[in-house]
Amino acid sequence: MCYGADTSEPMLSVVPSTLQGYRSDLEQYGYDIDKAKSLLEEAGYGDGLTVEFKYLASSTNNMLAELLQQMWGQVGVTLELNPTESGTLTSALNKGDFEICCAGTNFPLMEAGAGLYDMFHTSSMYSGNDRSELSDPEVDAVLDQVIVTTDADERAKLVEQAQELIHADAPFIYLAYTKSIVGASSKLRGFDPTPTSMYDFRTVYFVE
């Protein structure tokens, strides 16, 4: 998804910056048209190639798709756009029936370790949260430790290690972390927004 500066921040890792174990020091890929052409040539696609891009049909995602289509076209990649309704897209993603797709996700319980396991462990492939089709024994080994480690500091270290391995595998092209936008009356008191959107209204009241 593509968002403005007030509603998102650049995504530098698969783990959000708000969660324990986040890595901000991972080396990012630069925008290098010549290198992209060279890599395509090495891979046997010097004459270009055509790939299908599936994504949830929306005005925002349509803009993203058209932007990618224009950018990738500069290196010889023809992007065939396939805007898809939610149910059909989810079914295709769960079966791995796509070449390239655009999808958003979140970390249940706001905890990175379990989230990474659900998204990148081989045993999670084709499940509701795993869209990467990544199967890496090193990643699996670290994530197997994460889910049985109860010490928060040790768990965070394992998240950092898994994050680096996943980043090196590059199963995703990172776009943005989205921010929750909450609107409320100036008369509202006692309301505490949460990242999960699970609000406790027992302390909420209004003033004149």
N, C-alpha and C. Protein backbone atom coordinates (compact mmCIF):
# COMPACT_ATOMS: atom_id res chain seq x y z
N MET A 1 0.83 -1.19 0.00
CA MET A 1 0.00 0.00 0.00
C MET A 1 0.87 1.25 0.00
N CYS A 2 0.35 2.32 -0.52
CA CYS A 2 1.11 3.56 -0.64
C CYS A 2 0.38 4.66 0.11
N TYR A 3 1.08 5.35 1.00
CA TYR A 3 0.43 6.32 1.85
C TYR A 3 1.27 7.59 1.94
N GLY A 4 0.66 8.67 2.43
CA GLY A 4 1.36 9.92 2.61
C GLY A 4 2.18 9.93 3.88
N ALA A 5 3.02 10.96 4.01
CA ALA A 5 3.95 11.05 5.13
C ALA A 5 3.24 11.12 6.48
N ASP A 6 2.03 11.69 6.52
CA ASP A 6 1.32 11.84 7.77
C ASP A 6 0.63 10.55 8.21
N THR A 7 0.49 9.60 7.31
CA THR A 7 -0.23 8.37 7.63
C THR A 7 0.65 7.13 7.57
N SER A 8 1.93 7.29 7.30
CA SER A 8 2.82 6.13 7.20
C SER A 8 4.26 6.56 7.37
N GLU A 9 5.14 5.56 7.46
CA GLU A 9 6.57 5.82 7.45
C GLU A 9 7.24 4.76 6.58
N PRO A 10 8.40 5.08 5.99
CA PRO A 10 9.07 4.12 5.11
C PRO A 10 9.36 2.81 5.85
N MET A 11 9.16 1.72 5.16
CA MET A 11 9.37 0.39 5.75
C MET A 11 10.80 -0.07 5.47
N LEU A 12 11.60 -0.21 6.53
CA LEU A 12 13.00 -0.60 6.39
C LEU A 12 13.23 -2.06 6.74
N SER A 13 12.25 -2.68 7.33
CA SER A 13 12.35 -4.08 7.73
C SER A 13 10.96 -4.65 7.80
N VAL A 14 10.86 -5.96 7.84
CA VAL A 14 9.55 -6.59 7.95
C VAL A 14 8.95 -6.39 9.34
N VAL A 15 9.77 -6.06 10.33
CA VAL A 15 9.30 -5.80 11.69
C VAL A 15 9.06 -4.30 11.86
N PRO A 16 7.90 -3.90 12.33
CA PRO A 16 7.63 -2.47 12.54
C PRO A 16 8.54 -1.86 13.60
N SER A 17 8.79 -0.57 13.47
CA SER A 17 9.69 0.12 14.39
C SER A 17 9.13 0.21 15.80
N THR A 18 7.85 -0.07 15.99
CA THR A 18 7.23 0.01 17.31
C THR A 18 7.38 -1.28 18.12
N LEU A 19 7.92 -2.34 17.52
CA LEU A 19 8.00 -3.62 18.21
C LEU A 19 9.42 -3.93 18.67
N GLN A 20 9.52 -4.69 19.77
CA GLN A 20 10.82 -5.06 20.32
C GLN A 20 11.55 -5.97 19.34
N GLY A 21 12.82 -5.67 19.11
CA GLY A 21 13.64 -6.45 18.19
C GLY A 21 13.78 -5.83 16.83
N TYR A 22 13.15 -4.67 16.61
CA TYR A 22 13.23 -3.98 15.32
C TYR A 22 14.67 -3.64 14.97
N ARG A 23 15.04 -3.84 13.71
CA ARG A 23 16.36 -3.48 13.21
C ARG A 23 16.24 -2.30 12.24
N SER A 24 16.95 -1.23 12.55
CA SER A 24 16.95 -0.06 11.67
C SER A 24 18.23 0.04 10.85
N ASP A 25 19.14 -0.93 11.04
CA ASP A 25 20.47 -0.85 10.41
C ASP A 25 20.63 -1.79 9.22
N LEU A 26 19.56 -2.38 8.75
CA LEU A 26 19.67 -3.31 7.63
C LEU A 26 19.94 -2.55 6.34
N GLU A 27 20.85 -3.08 5.54
CA GLU A 27 21.23 -2.41 4.29
C GLU A 27 20.06 -2.44 3.31
N GLN A 28 19.71 -1.27 2.79
CA GLN A 28 18.58 -1.16 1.88
C GLN A 28 19.03 -1.20 0.43
N TYR A 29 18.15 -1.67 -0.44
CA TYR A 29 18.44 -1.66 -1.86
C TYR A 29 18.23 -0.26 -2.42
N GLY A 30 19.17 0.18 -3.23
CA GLY A 30 19.04 1.48 -3.87
C GLY A 30 18.25 1.38 -5.16
N TYR A 31 17.91 2.53 -5.72
CA TYR A 31 17.20 2.59 -6.99
C TYR A 31 18.23 2.73 -8.10
N ASP A 32 18.51 1.62 -8.80
CA ASP A 32 19.60 1.59 -9.77
C ASP A 32 19.12 0.90 -11.04
N ILE A 33 18.71 1.68 -12.02
CA ILE A 33 18.17 1.14 -13.27
C ILE A 33 19.21 0.30 -14.01
N ASP A 34 20.43 0.80 -14.11
CA ASP A 34 21.48 0.07 -14.83
C ASP A 34 21.76 -1.28 -14.19
N LYS A 35 21.82 -1.32 -12.86
CA LYS A 35 22.07 -2.59 -12.18
C LYS A 35 20.90 -3.55 -12.39
N ALA A 36 19.68 -3.02 -12.39
CA ALA A 36 18.51 -3.87 -12.61
C ALA A 36 18.57 -4.50 -14.00
N LYS A 37 18.93 -3.70 -15.00
CA LYS A 37 19.04 -4.24 -16.36
C LYS A 37 20.13 -5.30 -16.43
N SER A 38 21.24 -5.05 -15.73
CA SER A 38 22.34 -6.01 -15.73
C SER A 38 21.93 -7.33 -15.09
N LEU A 39 21.21 -7.25 -13.98
CA LEU A 39 20.76 -8.47 -13.30
C LEU A 39 19.76 -9.25 -14.15
N LEU A 40 18.89 -8.55 -14.84
CA LEU A 40 17.95 -9.21 -15.75
C LEU A 40 18.69 -9.91 -16.88
N GLU A 41 19.72 -9.26 -17.40
CA GLU A 41 20.55 -9.84 -18.45
C GLU A 41 21.21 -11.12 -17.97
N GLU A 42 21.78 -11.07 -16.75
CA GLU A 42 22.43 -12.24 -16.17
C GLU A 42 21.44 -13.39 -15.96
N ALA A 43 20.20 -13.05 -15.66
CA ALA A 43 19.18 -14.07 -15.40
C ALA A 43 18.55 -14.60 -16.69
N GLY A 44 18.99 -14.08 -17.84
CA GLY A 44 18.47 -14.56 -19.11
C GLY A 44 17.26 -13.80 -19.62
N TYR A 45 17.02 -12.62 -19.06
CA TYR A 45 15.87 -11.81 -19.49
C TYR A 45 16.32 -10.49 -20.10
N GLY A 46 17.38 -10.55 -20.87
CA GLY A 46 17.89 -9.33 -21.51
C GLY A 46 16.89 -8.69 -22.45
N ASP A 47 15.99 -9.49 -23.01
CA ASP A 47 14.96 -8.96 -23.91
C ASP A 47 13.70 -8.56 -23.17
N GLY A 48 13.75 -8.65 -21.85
CA GLY A 48 12.58 -8.27 -21.04
C GLY A 48 11.72 -9.46 -20.68
N LEU A 49 10.75 -9.24 -19.83
CA LEU A 49 9.80 -10.28 -19.45
C LEU A 49 8.49 -9.64 -19.02
N THR A 50 7.45 -10.46 -18.98
CA THR A 50 6.12 -9.99 -18.59
C THR A 50 5.68 -10.77 -17.35
N VAL A 51 5.20 -10.05 -16.34
CA VAL A 51 4.72 -10.69 -15.12
C VAL A 51 3.36 -10.11 -14.74
N GLU A 52 2.55 -10.92 -14.08
CA GLU A 52 1.23 -10.48 -13.63
C GLU A 52 1.32 -9.92 -12.21
N PHE A 53 0.67 -8.81 -11.98
CA PHE A 53 0.64 -8.18 -10.66
C PHE A 53 -0.78 -8.19 -10.13
N LYS A 54 -1.03 -9.04 -9.12
CA LYS A 54 -2.34 -9.11 -8.50
C LYS A 54 -2.36 -8.20 -7.27
N TYR A 55 -3.46 -7.49 -7.10
CA TYR A 55 -3.58 -6.62 -5.93
C TYR A 55 -5.04 -6.33 -5.65
N LEU A 56 -5.31 -5.93 -4.43
CA LEU A 56 -6.67 -5.60 -4.04
C LEU A 56 -7.10 -4.33 -4.75
N ALA A 57 -8.21 -4.40 -5.47
CA ALA A 57 -8.68 -3.27 -6.25
C ALA A 57 -9.12 -2.13 -5.32
N SER A 58 -8.43 -1.00 -5.45
CA SER A 58 -8.79 0.21 -4.70
C SER A 58 -8.10 1.38 -5.40
N SER A 59 -8.56 2.58 -5.14
CA SER A 59 -7.96 3.74 -5.81
C SER A 59 -6.49 3.90 -5.42
N THR A 60 -6.18 3.66 -4.14
CA THR A 60 -4.79 3.79 -3.68
C THR A 60 -3.90 2.74 -4.33
N ASN A 61 -4.36 1.48 -4.31
CA ASN A 61 -3.55 0.41 -4.90
C ASN A 61 -3.45 0.55 -6.41
N ASN A 62 -4.47 1.10 -7.06
CA ASN A 62 -4.39 1.35 -8.49
C ASN A 62 -3.26 2.33 -8.81
N MET A 63 -3.13 3.36 -7.98
CA MET A 63 -2.04 4.33 -8.19
C MET A 63 -0.69 3.67 -8.01
N LEU A 64 -0.57 2.83 -6.97
CA LEU A 64 0.69 2.11 -6.74
C LEU A 64 1.01 1.22 -7.93
N ALA A 65 0.03 0.47 -8.41
CA ALA A 65 0.25 -0.45 -9.52
C ALA A 65 0.70 0.29 -10.78
N GLU A 66 0.08 1.41 -11.06
CA GLU A 66 0.46 2.19 -12.24
C GLU A 66 1.86 2.77 -12.09
N LEU A 67 2.21 3.16 -10.86
CA LEU A 67 3.57 3.65 -10.61
C LEU A 67 4.60 2.55 -10.85
N LEU A 68 4.35 1.36 -10.30
CA LEU A 68 5.26 0.23 -10.50
C LEU A 68 5.36 -0.15 -11.97
N GLN A 69 4.24 -0.11 -12.65
CA GLN A 69 4.21 -0.44 -14.08
C GLN A 69 5.14 0.49 -14.86
N GLN A 70 5.08 1.78 -14.54
CA GLN A 70 5.92 2.76 -15.22
C GLN A 70 7.38 2.58 -14.86
N MET A 71 7.68 2.37 -13.58
CA MET A 71 9.06 2.24 -13.11
C MET A 71 9.71 0.97 -13.65
N TRP A 72 9.01 -0.15 -13.56
CA TRP A 72 9.58 -1.41 -14.01
C TRP A 72 9.71 -1.45 -15.53
N GLY A 73 8.83 -0.73 -16.20
CA GLY A 73 8.93 -0.66 -17.66
C GLY A 73 10.25 -0.07 -18.12
N GLN A 74 10.87 0.75 -17.30
CA GLN A 74 12.15 1.37 -17.66
C GLN A 74 13.29 0.35 -17.78
N VAL A 75 13.12 -0.82 -17.14
CA VAL A 75 14.18 -1.83 -17.22
C VAL A 75 13.75 -3.03 -18.07
N GLY A 76 12.58 -2.93 -18.71
CA GLY A 76 12.16 -4.00 -19.61
C GLY A 76 11.19 -5.00 -19.01
N VAL A 77 10.66 -4.71 -17.83
CA VAL A 77 9.68 -5.60 -17.21
C VAL A 77 8.28 -5.04 -17.47
N THR A 78 7.48 -5.83 -18.18
CA THR A 78 6.10 -5.44 -18.46
C THR A 78 5.20 -5.98 -17.36
N LEU A 79 4.55 -5.08 -16.65
CA LEU A 79 3.70 -5.47 -15.53
C LEU A 79 2.25 -5.49 -15.99
N GLU A 80 1.66 -6.69 -16.01
CA GLU A 80 0.25 -6.83 -16.35
C GLU A 80 -0.58 -6.66 -15.08
N LEU A 81 -1.38 -5.62 -15.02
CA LEU A 81 -2.13 -5.29 -13.81
C LEU A 81 -3.41 -6.12 -13.71
N ASN A 82 -3.62 -6.71 -12.55
CA ASN A 82 -4.80 -7.53 -12.32
C ASN A 82 -5.45 -7.13 -10.99
N PRO A 83 -6.20 -6.01 -10.97
CA PRO A 83 -6.92 -5.63 -9.76
C PRO A 83 -7.98 -6.66 -9.44
N THR A 84 -8.04 -7.11 -8.19
CA THR A 84 -8.85 -8.26 -7.81
C THR A 84 -9.66 -7.95 -6.56
N GLU A 85 -10.88 -8.48 -6.49
CA GLU A 85 -11.69 -8.25 -5.29
C GLU A 85 -11.17 -9.12 -4.15
N SER A 86 -11.52 -8.74 -2.93
CA SER A 86 -10.90 -9.27 -1.72
C SER A 86 -10.95 -10.80 -1.61
N GLY A 87 -12.13 -11.40 -1.77
CA GLY A 87 -12.26 -12.83 -1.60
C GLY A 87 -11.43 -13.63 -2.60
N THR A 88 -11.46 -13.21 -3.86
CA THR A 88 -10.70 -13.89 -4.91
C THR A 88 -9.21 -13.75 -4.66
N LEU A 89 -8.78 -12.56 -4.25
CA LEU A 89 -7.35 -12.33 -3.98
C LEU A 89 -6.88 -13.19 -2.82
N THR A 90 -7.65 -13.22 -1.74
CA THR A 90 -7.26 -14.01 -0.57
C THR A 90 -7.11 -15.48 -0.93
N SER A 91 -8.06 -16.00 -1.71
CA SER A 91 -8.00 -17.39 -2.13
C SER A 91 -6.75 -17.67 -2.96
N ALA A 92 -6.43 -16.75 -3.87
CA ALA A 92 -5.24 -16.92 -4.71
C ALA A 92 -3.96 -16.87 -3.88
N LEU A 93 -3.90 -15.94 -2.93
CA LEU A 93 -2.70 -15.82 -2.10
C LEU A 93 -2.51 -17.04 -1.22
N ASN A 94 -3.60 -17.57 -0.67
CA ASN A 94 -3.50 -18.75 0.18
C ASN A 94 -3.02 -19.98 -0.59
N LYS A 95 -3.29 -20.03 -1.89
CA LYS A 95 -2.85 -21.17 -2.72
C LYS A 95 -1.51 -20.91 -3.38
N GLY A 96 -0.97 -19.70 -3.24
CA GLY A 96 0.27 -19.36 -3.93
C GLY A 96 0.05 -19.14 -5.41
N ASP A 97 -1.18 -18.80 -5.78
CA ASP A 97 -1.54 -18.62 -7.19
C ASP A 97 -1.30 -17.17 -7.62
N PHE A 98 -0.03 -16.79 -7.69
CA PHE A 98 0.32 -15.44 -8.13
C PHE A 98 1.80 -15.39 -8.51
N GLU A 99 2.16 -14.42 -9.33
CA GLU A 99 3.56 -14.17 -9.64
C GLU A 99 4.10 -13.06 -8.73
N ILE A 100 3.40 -11.93 -8.74
CA ILE A 100 3.71 -10.83 -7.84
C ILE A 100 2.39 -10.33 -7.28
N CYS A 101 2.38 -9.99 -6.01
CA CYS A 101 1.15 -9.47 -5.42
C CYS A 101 1.48 -8.33 -4.46
N CYS A 102 0.47 -7.57 -4.15
CA CYS A 102 0.59 -6.51 -3.15
C CYS A 102 -0.38 -6.85 -2.03
N ALA A 103 0.10 -6.91 -0.80
CA ALA A 103 -0.77 -7.26 0.32
C ALA A 103 -0.25 -6.61 1.59
N GLY A 104 -1.15 -6.31 2.48
CA GLY A 104 -0.78 -5.78 3.78
C GLY A 104 -0.98 -6.84 4.85
N THR A 105 -0.30 -6.67 5.98
CA THR A 105 -0.46 -7.61 7.08
C THR A 105 -0.20 -6.88 8.39
N ASN A 106 -0.40 -7.57 9.49
CA ASN A 106 -0.09 -6.99 10.79
C ASN A 106 0.46 -8.07 11.71
N PHE A 107 0.90 -7.66 12.89
CA PHE A 107 1.44 -8.59 13.87
C PHE A 107 0.44 -8.77 15.00
N PRO A 108 -0.25 -9.92 15.07
CA PRO A 108 -1.21 -10.15 16.15
C PRO A 108 -0.54 -10.00 17.52
N LEU A 109 -1.25 -9.44 18.46
CA LEU A 109 -0.77 -9.24 19.83
C LEU A 109 0.42 -8.29 19.89
N MET A 110 0.72 -7.62 18.76
CA MET A 110 1.82 -6.66 18.73
C MET A 110 3.13 -7.28 19.20
N GLU A 111 3.42 -8.49 18.75
CA GLU A 111 4.63 -9.21 19.16
C GLU A 111 5.30 -9.74 17.91
N ALA A 112 6.59 -9.42 17.74
CA ALA A 112 7.27 -9.72 16.48
C ALA A 112 7.60 -11.19 16.30
N GLY A 113 7.96 -11.89 17.37
CA GLY A 113 8.40 -13.27 17.24
C GLY A 113 7.34 -14.18 16.64
N ALA A 114 6.15 -14.17 17.23
CA ALA A 114 5.06 -15.01 16.72
C ALA A 114 4.65 -14.56 15.33
N GLY A 115 4.70 -13.25 15.09
CA GLY A 115 4.34 -12.73 13.77
C GLY A 115 5.27 -13.22 12.69
N LEU A 116 6.58 -13.19 12.97
CA LEU A 116 7.55 -13.68 11.99
C LEU A 116 7.37 -15.17 11.74
N TYR A 117 7.07 -15.93 12.79
CA TYR A 117 6.85 -17.37 12.61
C TYR A 117 5.68 -17.61 11.67
N ASP A 118 4.59 -16.89 11.88
CA ASP A 118 3.40 -17.07 11.05
C ASP A 118 3.62 -16.63 9.60
N MET A 119 4.54 -15.68 9.40
CA MET A 119 4.74 -15.13 8.06
C MET A 119 5.86 -15.79 7.27
N PHE A 120 6.85 -16.42 7.96
CA PHE A 120 8.03 -16.88 7.24
C PHE A 120 8.49 -18.30 7.55
N HIS A 121 7.91 -18.96 8.52
CA HIS A 121 8.33 -20.34 8.80
C HIS A 121 7.78 -21.26 7.71
N THR A 122 8.56 -22.25 7.31
CA THR A 122 8.15 -23.16 6.25
C THR A 122 6.80 -23.82 6.56
N SER A 123 6.57 -24.15 7.82
CA SER A 123 5.33 -24.82 8.19
C SER A 123 4.10 -23.93 8.04
N SER A 124 4.32 -22.61 7.92
CA SER A 124 3.20 -21.67 7.78
C SER A 124 2.87 -21.37 6.32
N MET A 125 3.62 -21.96 5.40
CA MET A 125 3.41 -21.64 3.99
C MET A 125 1.98 -21.92 3.55
N TYR A 126 1.42 -20.98 2.79
CA TYR A 126 0.05 -21.03 2.28
C TYR A 126 -1.01 -20.93 3.39
N SER A 127 -0.60 -20.41 4.52
CA SER A 127 -1.56 -20.14 5.58
C SER A 127 -2.08 -18.71 5.41
N GLY A 128 -2.95 -18.28 6.31
CA GLY A 128 -3.55 -16.96 6.16
C GLY A 128 -2.58 -15.79 6.24
N ASN A 129 -1.42 -15.96 6.89
CA ASN A 129 -0.48 -14.85 7.05
C ASN A 129 0.78 -14.99 6.22
N ASP A 130 1.07 -16.18 5.69
CA ASP A 130 2.32 -16.40 4.96
C ASP A 130 2.11 -16.20 3.47
N ARG A 131 2.57 -15.05 2.96
CA ARG A 131 2.46 -14.75 1.53
C ARG A 131 3.81 -14.83 0.84
N SER A 132 4.87 -15.11 1.58
CA SER A 132 6.22 -14.99 1.02
C SER A 132 6.69 -16.25 0.29
N GLU A 133 6.12 -17.42 0.66
CA GLU A 133 6.59 -18.71 0.14
C GLU A 133 8.06 -18.92 0.44
N LEU A 134 8.55 -18.30 1.50
CA LEU A 134 9.95 -18.47 1.90
C LEU A 134 10.11 -19.80 2.64
N SER A 135 11.14 -20.54 2.26
CA SER A 135 11.49 -21.77 2.97
C SER A 135 13.00 -21.79 3.13
N ASP A 136 13.47 -21.35 4.30
CA ASP A 136 14.89 -21.21 4.57
C ASP A 136 15.19 -21.92 5.89
N PRO A 137 16.00 -23.00 5.86
CA PRO A 137 16.29 -23.75 7.09
C PRO A 137 16.89 -22.89 8.20
N GLU A 138 17.71 -21.90 7.84
CA GLU A 138 18.29 -21.03 8.86
C GLU A 138 17.21 -20.18 9.53
N VAL A 139 16.31 -19.65 8.72
CA VAL A 139 15.21 -18.85 9.27
C VAL A 139 14.33 -19.73 10.15
N ASP A 140 14.01 -20.93 9.67
CA ASP A 140 13.18 -21.85 10.44
C ASP A 140 13.80 -22.15 11.81
N ALA A 141 15.12 -22.38 11.82
CA ALA A 141 15.81 -22.74 13.07
C ALA A 141 15.71 -21.62 14.10
N VAL A 142 15.89 -20.39 13.65
CA VAL A 142 15.80 -19.25 14.58
C VAL A 142 14.37 -19.06 15.06
N LEU A 143 13.41 -19.17 14.15
CA LEU A 143 12.01 -18.99 14.52
C LEU A 143 11.52 -20.11 15.44
N ASP A 144 12.07 -21.31 15.28
CA ASP A 144 11.73 -22.40 16.20
C ASP A 144 12.17 -22.06 17.62
N GLN A 145 13.29 -21.33 17.74
CA GLN A 145 13.73 -20.89 19.06
C GLN A 145 12.87 -19.76 19.59
N VAL A 146 12.47 -18.87 18.71
CA VAL A 146 11.68 -17.71 19.13
C VAL A 146 10.41 -18.14 19.85
N ILE A 147 9.69 -19.09 19.29
CA ILE A 147 8.36 -19.40 19.84
C ILE A 147 8.42 -20.20 21.14
N VAL A 148 9.60 -20.67 21.55
CA VAL A 148 9.71 -21.38 22.83
C VAL A 148 10.50 -20.56 23.85
N THR A 149 10.92 -19.36 23.48
CA THR A 149 11.70 -18.50 24.37
C THR A 149 10.77 -17.52 25.07
N THR A 150 10.78 -17.54 26.39
CA THR A 150 9.88 -16.67 27.16
C THR A 150 10.58 -15.41 27.67
N ASP A 151 11.90 -15.41 27.75
CA ASP A 151 12.62 -14.22 28.20
C ASP A 151 12.54 -13.15 27.11
N ALA A 152 12.04 -11.96 27.48
CA ALA A 152 11.79 -10.91 26.49
C ALA A 152 13.06 -10.46 25.79
N ASP A 153 14.14 -10.30 26.53
CA ASP A 153 15.39 -9.83 25.93
C ASP A 153 15.97 -10.86 24.96
N GLU A 154 15.95 -12.12 25.37
CA GLU A 154 16.45 -13.18 24.48
C GLU A 154 15.57 -13.30 23.25
N ARG A 155 14.28 -13.16 23.44
CA ARG A 155 13.34 -13.23 22.33
C ARG A 155 13.61 -12.11 21.33
N ALA A 156 13.89 -10.91 21.84
CA ALA A 156 14.19 -9.77 20.98
C ALA A 156 15.46 -10.01 20.17
N LYS A 157 16.47 -10.64 20.79
CA LYS A 157 17.72 -10.94 20.08
C LYS A 157 17.46 -11.93 18.94
N LEU A 158 16.61 -12.90 19.19
CA LEU A 158 16.28 -13.88 18.15
C LEU A 158 15.48 -13.21 17.02
N VAL A 159 14.60 -12.27 17.38
CA VAL A 159 13.86 -11.52 16.37
C VAL A 159 14.83 -10.73 15.50
N GLU A 160 15.84 -10.12 16.11
CA GLU A 160 16.84 -9.37 15.35
C GLU A 160 17.59 -10.29 14.38
N GLN A 161 17.94 -11.50 14.86
CA GLN A 161 18.66 -12.46 14.02
C GLN A 161 17.79 -12.94 12.86
N ALA A 162 16.55 -13.30 13.15
CA ALA A 162 15.64 -13.77 12.10
C ALA A 162 15.39 -12.67 11.08
N GLN A 163 15.25 -11.46 11.57
CA GLN A 163 14.98 -10.31 10.71
C GLN A 163 16.10 -10.11 9.69
N GLU A 164 17.34 -10.27 10.14
CA GLU A 164 18.48 -10.10 9.24
C GLU A 164 18.50 -11.19 8.16
N LEU A 165 18.22 -12.42 8.56
CA LEU A 165 18.19 -13.52 7.60
C LEU A 165 17.08 -13.34 6.57
N ILE A 166 15.91 -12.93 7.04
CA ILE A 166 14.77 -12.72 6.15
C ILE A 166 15.06 -11.57 5.19
N HIS A 167 15.67 -10.52 5.71
CA HIS A 167 16.01 -9.37 4.87
C HIS A 167 16.97 -9.78 3.76
N ALA A 168 17.94 -10.64 4.08
CA ALA A 168 18.90 -11.10 3.08
C ALA A 168 18.23 -11.95 2.01
N ASP A 169 17.20 -12.73 2.40
CA ASP A 169 16.47 -13.54 1.42
C ASP A 169 15.59 -12.68 0.51
N ALA A 170 15.21 -11.50 0.99
CA ALA A 170 14.40 -10.53 0.22
C ALA A 170 13.14 -11.14 -0.39
N PRO A 171 12.26 -11.75 0.43
CA PRO A 171 11.01 -12.28 -0.12
C PRO A 171 9.99 -11.19 -0.42
N PHE A 172 10.18 -10.02 0.18
CA PHE A 172 9.26 -8.90 -0.01
C PHE A 172 9.98 -7.68 -0.57
N ILE A 173 9.22 -6.81 -1.21
CA ILE A 173 9.66 -5.44 -1.47
C ILE A 173 8.91 -4.58 -0.46
N TYR A 174 9.63 -4.00 0.48
CA TYR A 174 8.98 -3.23 1.54
C TYR A 174 8.41 -1.94 0.98
N LEU A 175 7.26 -1.54 1.49
CA LEU A 175 6.65 -0.28 1.08
C LEU A 175 6.52 0.68 2.26
N ALA A 176 5.58 0.43 3.16
CA ALA A 176 5.38 1.39 4.24
C ALA A 176 4.70 0.73 5.43
N TYR A 177 5.02 1.26 6.63
CA TYR A 177 4.24 0.95 7.82
C TYR A 177 3.13 1.98 7.89
N THR A 178 1.91 1.53 8.03
CA THR A 178 0.80 2.47 8.10
C THR A 178 0.53 2.87 9.54
N LYS A 179 0.04 4.08 9.71
CA LYS A 179 -0.32 4.59 11.03
C LYS A 179 -1.84 4.62 11.17
N SER A 180 -2.30 4.35 12.36
CA SER A 180 -3.73 4.41 12.63
C SER A 180 -4.13 5.87 12.85
N ILE A 181 -5.14 6.31 12.14
CA ILE A 181 -5.65 7.66 12.29
C ILE A 181 -6.97 7.60 13.06
N VAL A 182 -7.01 8.27 14.21
CA VAL A 182 -8.19 8.25 15.06
C VAL A 182 -8.74 9.66 15.19
N GLY A 183 -10.02 9.83 14.90
CA GLY A 183 -10.68 11.12 15.05
C GLY A 183 -11.56 11.12 16.30
N ALA A 184 -11.53 12.20 17.05
CA ALA A 184 -12.33 12.26 18.26
C ALA A 184 -12.74 13.70 18.54
N SER A 185 -13.83 13.85 19.24
CA SER A 185 -14.32 15.17 19.63
C SER A 185 -13.36 15.81 20.63
N SER A 186 -13.27 17.13 20.60
CA SER A 186 -12.43 17.84 21.56
C SER A 186 -12.99 17.75 22.97
N LYS A 187 -14.23 17.28 23.09
CA LYS A 187 -14.87 17.14 24.39
C LYS A 187 -14.63 15.76 25.01
N LEU A 188 -13.99 14.89 24.27
CA LEU A 188 -13.76 13.52 24.73
C LEU A 188 -12.61 13.47 25.74
N ARG A 189 -12.79 12.70 26.80
CA ARG A 189 -11.75 12.50 27.81
C ARG A 189 -11.65 11.01 28.14
N GLY A 190 -10.46 10.59 28.57
CA GLY A 190 -10.27 9.22 29.04
C GLY A 190 -10.13 8.17 27.96
N PHE A 191 -9.92 8.62 26.72
CA PHE A 191 -9.81 7.67 25.61
C PHE A 191 -8.33 7.42 25.31
N ASP A 192 -7.93 6.16 25.29
CA ASP A 192 -6.54 5.79 25.06
C ASP A 192 -6.44 4.94 23.80
N PRO A 193 -6.02 5.51 22.65
CA PRO A 193 -5.90 4.73 21.41
C PRO A 193 -4.88 3.61 21.55
N THR A 194 -5.12 2.50 20.90
CA THR A 194 -4.20 1.37 20.92
C THR A 194 -3.90 0.93 19.50
N PRO A 195 -2.70 0.35 19.25
CA PRO A 195 -2.36 -0.09 17.89
C PRO A 195 -3.26 -1.18 17.35
N THR A 196 -3.90 -1.96 18.26
CA THR A 196 -4.74 -3.07 17.82
C THR A 196 -6.17 -2.64 17.49
N SER A 197 -6.51 -1.36 17.77
CA SER A 197 -7.87 -0.85 17.60
C SER A 197 -8.87 -1.55 18.51
N MET A 198 -8.38 -2.20 19.56
CA MET A 198 -9.26 -2.80 20.57
C MET A 198 -9.31 -1.82 21.75
N TYR A 199 -10.35 -1.02 21.78
CA TYR A 199 -10.42 0.09 22.72
C TYR A 199 -11.21 -0.26 23.98
N ASP A 200 -10.77 0.32 25.09
CA ASP A 200 -11.47 0.18 26.37
C ASP A 200 -12.24 1.47 26.61
N PHE A 201 -13.55 1.39 26.51
CA PHE A 201 -14.38 2.58 26.64
C PHE A 201 -14.90 2.79 28.07
N ARG A 202 -14.44 1.99 29.02
CA ARG A 202 -14.95 2.10 30.39
C ARG A 202 -14.52 3.39 31.05
N THR A 203 -13.43 4.00 30.58
CA THR A 203 -12.95 5.24 31.20
C THR A 203 -13.32 6.48 30.37
N VAL A 204 -14.07 6.29 29.31
CA VAL A 204 -14.38 7.39 28.40
C VAL A 204 -15.56 8.22 28.91
N TYR A 205 -15.43 9.56 28.80
CA TYR A 205 -16.53 10.46 29.14
C TYR A 205 -16.37 11.76 28.36
N PHE A 206 -17.41 12.56 28.37
CA PHE A 206 -17.42 13.83 27.65
C PHE A 206 -17.55 14.99 28.63
N VAL A 207 -16.95 16.10 28.24
CA VAL A 207 -17.09 17.34 29.02
C VAL A 207 -17.78 18.39 28.17
N GLU A 208 -18.40 19.36 28.82
CA GLU A 208 -19.06 20.45 28.10
C GLU A 208 -18.04 21.50 27.65
